[in-house]
Every structure is written in structure tokens, then in C-alpha cells.
Protein backbone atom coordinates (compact mmCIF):
# COMPACT_ATOMS: atom_id res chain seq x y z
CA MET A 1 -71.28 44.38 -72.71
CA ARG A 2 -72.40 47.03 -71.45
CA ARG A 3 -69.92 47.00 -68.32
CA ILE A 4 -66.89 46.08 -66.74
CA CYS A 5 -66.71 45.97 -62.96
CA VAL A 6 -63.11 46.77 -61.79
CA PHE A 7 -61.93 45.55 -58.21
CA CYS A 8 -58.48 48.20 -57.17
CA GLY A 9 -56.90 48.97 -54.06
CA SER A 10 -57.81 52.06 -52.13
CA ASN A 11 -54.25 52.54 -51.80
CA ALA A 12 -51.68 53.89 -54.79
CA GLY A 13 -49.29 51.20 -54.59
CA SER A 14 -45.48 51.76 -54.71
CA ARG A 15 -45.18 51.83 -58.60
CA THR A 16 -46.14 54.58 -61.14
CA GLU A 17 -47.43 51.90 -63.02
CA TYR A 18 -50.40 51.16 -61.27
CA ALA A 19 -52.58 54.09 -61.47
CA GLU A 20 -50.55 54.69 -65.38
CA ALA A 21 -52.25 50.78 -66.29
CA ALA A 22 -55.60 52.40 -64.73
CA ARG A 23 -56.14 54.97 -66.84
CA THR A 24 -54.77 53.27 -70.22
CA LEU A 25 -57.30 50.25 -69.08
CA ALA A 26 -60.28 53.27 -68.69
CA ALA A 27 -59.17 55.03 -71.75
CA ILE A 28 -59.63 52.13 -73.40
CA LEU A 29 -63.14 50.86 -71.93
CA VAL A 30 -64.83 54.06 -73.03
CA GLU A 31 -62.97 54.33 -76.18
CA ARG A 32 -64.85 50.69 -76.40
CA LYS A 33 -68.43 52.31 -74.92
CA LEU A 34 -68.09 49.97 -71.77
CA GLY A 35 -69.15 52.29 -69.15
CA ILE A 36 -67.24 50.51 -65.67
CA VAL A 37 -68.25 49.81 -62.23
CA TYR A 38 -66.31 50.18 -59.38
CA GLY A 39 -66.30 50.77 -54.77
CA GLY A 40 -66.62 54.20 -55.18
CA GLY A 41 -64.31 55.61 -53.58
CA LYS A 42 -62.06 58.81 -54.79
CA VAL A 43 -59.32 57.27 -53.13
CA GLY A 44 -56.04 55.04 -54.63
CA LEU A 45 -55.97 52.90 -57.78
CA MET A 46 -59.80 53.66 -58.10
CA GLY A 47 -60.23 57.07 -57.38
CA VAL A 48 -57.14 56.86 -60.10
CA LEU A 49 -59.15 54.67 -62.48
CA ALA A 50 -63.36 56.88 -61.93
CA ASP A 51 -61.07 60.28 -62.62
CA ALA A 52 -59.50 58.67 -65.70
CA VAL A 53 -62.82 57.37 -66.89
CA LEU A 54 -64.81 60.05 -66.12
CA GLU A 55 -62.11 62.58 -68.22
CA HIS A 56 -62.30 60.28 -71.32
CA GLY A 57 -67.00 60.76 -70.83
CA GLY A 58 -67.14 57.72 -69.89
CA GLU A 59 -70.20 56.46 -67.75
CA VAL A 60 -68.75 55.49 -63.91
CA ILE A 61 -70.80 53.56 -61.72
CA GLY A 62 -69.90 53.29 -57.55
CA VAL A 63 -70.82 50.81 -54.82
CA ILE A 64 -70.21 52.13 -51.73
CA PRO A 65 -71.74 51.19 -48.55
CA GLN A 66 -72.85 54.38 -45.64
CA SER A 67 -69.50 53.57 -44.16
CA LEU A 68 -67.16 54.23 -46.23
CA LEU A 69 -69.28 57.51 -47.45
CA ASP A 70 -69.49 58.77 -43.92
CA LYS A 71 -64.96 58.08 -43.76
CA GLU A 72 -65.88 60.93 -46.39
CA VAL A 73 -64.50 58.25 -49.32
CA GLY A 74 -66.72 58.12 -51.74
CA HIS A 75 -66.35 59.75 -54.88
CA GLY A 76 -68.74 62.33 -55.38
CA GLY A 77 -68.33 63.30 -59.04
CA VAL A 78 -69.39 59.85 -60.44
CA THR A 79 -72.09 59.24 -63.15
CA GLU A 80 -73.79 58.06 -60.24
CA LEU A 81 -73.34 56.70 -56.72
CA ILE A 82 -75.47 53.50 -55.08
CA VAL A 83 -75.03 53.79 -50.97
CA VAL A 84 -75.80 50.49 -49.83
CA GLU A 85 -75.31 48.85 -46.10
CA THR A 86 -73.21 46.28 -46.50
CA MET A 87 -69.87 45.10 -47.76
CA HIS A 88 -72.15 42.17 -48.79
CA GLU A 89 -74.97 44.20 -50.42
CA ARG A 90 -71.81 46.22 -52.32
CA LYS A 91 -71.07 43.27 -53.91
CA ALA A 92 -74.07 41.22 -55.25
CA ARG A 93 -74.71 45.04 -55.99
CA MET A 94 -71.58 45.53 -58.67
CA ASN A 95 -72.36 41.78 -59.72
CA ASP A 96 -75.49 42.43 -60.85
CA LEU A 97 -74.73 45.67 -62.66
CA SER A 98 -71.67 43.88 -64.46
CA ASP A 99 -71.11 41.63 -67.32
CA ALA A 100 -66.94 41.42 -66.60
CA PHE A 101 -64.69 41.23 -62.98
CA VAL A 102 -61.66 42.66 -63.85
CA ALA A 103 -58.96 43.21 -60.98
CA LEU A 104 -56.19 45.78 -61.05
CA PRO A 105 -54.13 45.00 -57.97
CA GLY A 106 -55.31 46.28 -54.47
CA GLY A 107 -55.52 44.90 -51.36
CA PHE A 108 -57.74 42.84 -48.85
CA GLY A 109 -60.85 43.35 -50.68
CA THR A 110 -59.24 43.98 -54.03
CA LEU A 111 -59.48 40.32 -53.12
CA ASP A 112 -61.47 39.32 -51.63
CA GLU A 113 -63.86 40.76 -54.44
CA PHE A 114 -62.20 38.98 -56.72
CA PHE A 115 -62.45 35.70 -55.25
CA GLU A 116 -65.62 36.10 -54.07
CA VAL A 117 -67.25 36.99 -57.81
CA LEU A 118 -64.83 33.80 -59.13
CA THR A 119 -66.00 31.64 -56.71
CA TRP A 120 -70.54 32.24 -57.71
CA ALA A 121 -68.50 31.21 -61.44
CA GLN A 122 -66.96 28.64 -60.28
CA LEU A 123 -70.59 27.32 -58.47
CA GLY A 124 -72.35 28.13 -60.90
CA LEU A 125 -74.23 31.05 -60.38
CA HIS A 126 -72.60 32.75 -63.00
CA ARG A 127 -71.11 32.70 -66.36
CA LYS A 128 -69.29 35.95 -66.64
CA PRO A 129 -66.08 36.03 -67.53
CA CYS A 130 -63.59 36.97 -64.37
CA ALA A 131 -59.62 38.31 -64.92
CA LEU A 132 -56.86 40.16 -63.03
CA PHE A 133 -54.33 43.11 -65.10
CA ASN A 134 -51.49 41.60 -63.77
CA VAL A 135 -49.77 44.94 -63.51
CA ALA A 136 -46.47 44.59 -62.91
CA GLY A 137 -46.61 40.68 -62.09
CA TYR A 138 -48.20 41.90 -59.44
CA TYR A 139 -50.29 38.81 -59.87
CA ASP A 140 -47.37 35.98 -60.34
CA CYS A 141 -47.50 34.83 -57.00
CA MET A 142 -50.67 33.46 -56.83
CA LEU A 143 -51.05 32.80 -60.36
CA ALA A 144 -48.73 30.07 -59.04
CA MET A 145 -50.51 29.95 -55.70
CA LEU A 146 -53.10 28.97 -58.02
CA ASP A 147 -51.32 26.29 -59.63
CA HIS A 148 -50.31 25.30 -56.93
CA ALA A 149 -53.83 24.38 -55.71
CA VAL A 150 -54.47 22.12 -59.29
CA LYS A 151 -50.89 20.49 -58.11
CA GLU A 152 -52.21 19.89 -55.38
CA ARG A 153 -56.00 18.57 -56.15
CA PHE A 154 -57.70 21.89 -54.08
CA LEU A 155 -59.19 22.88 -57.23
CA ARG A 156 -59.81 21.45 -60.32
CA PRO A 157 -58.40 22.92 -63.95
CA GLU A 158 -61.61 23.30 -65.14
CA HIS A 159 -61.97 26.33 -62.53
CA ARG A 160 -58.56 27.31 -62.62
CA ALA A 161 -58.88 28.41 -66.24
CA LEU A 162 -61.50 30.48 -65.08
CA VAL A 163 -59.03 33.10 -64.60
CA ILE A 164 -57.96 35.14 -67.26
CA ALA A 165 -54.91 36.95 -66.70
CA ASP A 166 -53.23 39.29 -69.56
CA THR A 167 -50.05 42.06 -68.96
CA ASP A 168 -51.64 43.92 -71.42
CA PRO A 169 -54.93 46.06 -71.45
CA PHE A 170 -56.40 45.84 -74.99
CA ARG A 171 -55.37 42.03 -75.01
CA LEU A 172 -56.93 41.41 -71.54
CA LEU A 173 -60.40 42.58 -72.85
CA GLN A 174 -60.22 41.25 -75.47
CA ARG A 175 -59.15 38.04 -73.98
CA LEU A 176 -63.09 38.87 -72.02
CA GLY A 177 -65.16 39.55 -74.97
CA ALA A 178 -65.55 42.98 -74.73
CA VAL A 179 -63.57 43.46 -77.61
CA VAL A 180 -63.75 42.98 -81.70
CA PRO A 181 -60.62 43.39 -82.32
CA ALA A 182 -59.73 45.14 -85.59
CA LYS A 183 -58.12 43.76 -88.39
CA GLY A 184 -54.24 44.08 -88.67
CA LYS A 185 -54.67 45.54 -84.41
CA SER A 186 -52.95 43.69 -82.13
CA GLY A 187 -53.00 45.91 -79.34
CA ALA A 188 -49.87 46.14 -78.32
CA ALA A 189 -49.73 50.17 -79.26
CA ASN A 190 -52.42 50.19 -75.85
CA GLY A 191 -48.59 49.20 -73.36
CA ASN A 192 -47.63 46.62 -72.23
CA PHE A 193 -46.76 46.49 -68.87
CA LEU A 194 -44.73 43.48 -68.16
């Protein structure tokens, strides 16, 4: 793996744990020599994540539609900022540049991006792992909804299994196949965001 696409909010959210988790994930990714692909914004968790990766000397590729860049929310200091015309083109480009996907907390945009790449995985259009960084239980209700969809037979168990979720960033990356654990290292020291 070379790059992980991180979907996250253009707002910072109500809890300090969200920004802390973004910074921790950034540090771990850079330590593992993994670049990030993200939505190209300088605001909210997107800005926190990008700034933290850059502070640690990592690669940050932002992909942003011209309409959002025109609203002055684009991050001018990233390694590369790719400007596209549409949101659809943005998601396709992020997919092309990435080897796996992680969603931090976020709103409609984050959920849309995550579920689109997850649907592509379900349809066999790619075989890249898709994960939720479940910071402070943010995704608990959504995970319960997915389990309910299985129970009601709208979602097959094997497709439900495509969603990797964890509260610990190191363990999450291990489960993505992005990190090989060091002998005797549990990853607990990297922080658990229960």
C-alpha cells in the first residue's frame, strides 16, 4: 500500500476526540510511510488531518471540485491539489489514487463518499478495503443499522463484512492490511478512542 484515502468532515464536530483522532491517524500513516488522499479542504477535520500529515513530513494529495475551491475552502499547502469539475469526478479520482479507504467522523459528504466506494466494492468494481474509524462511538448507530439490514435481508452477511470498523487507529490499519504489526506491539500505546 502506498496511499490511503481518508474521508472526513468539513466541520470539526462537537468533541475534541475527533480532531485528536485525526492527528493520531496522520502520525501513524506518516510513520508507516503511507500518503493520504483526501477531499482537499483546509477546514474542519479535513484541515486538521492534512495539516497533521504535513507537519510530520508526509504526502497529502487533495482532490477538490472547482466549485468548492471557488469558495476558498481548498488547502493551498498540500503536496498536490487536484482540481476537478464535479463531485463524481472527485470520488473517481480519489479511488484511482488510493489503495484503501478510511472514514473519520463526518456528515453527508463523508457518508456519501464512504458508501459509494463501499458499493463499488460490493459490486466487485474494486477490491480495496473500506473502514470506519469509529471515534468515540460515532459510527455505532450506523453499524447497528447495517446489522439490521442483514437481519431484514436487504444486505448479505458477506457484504456487511466488507465494512471494517475499529476504535483504535493502529489496529484499524492492521485490519486494512496497511500495517504489519511489530513483534510484541499491540498498538494500544497509539491511543484507543472509545
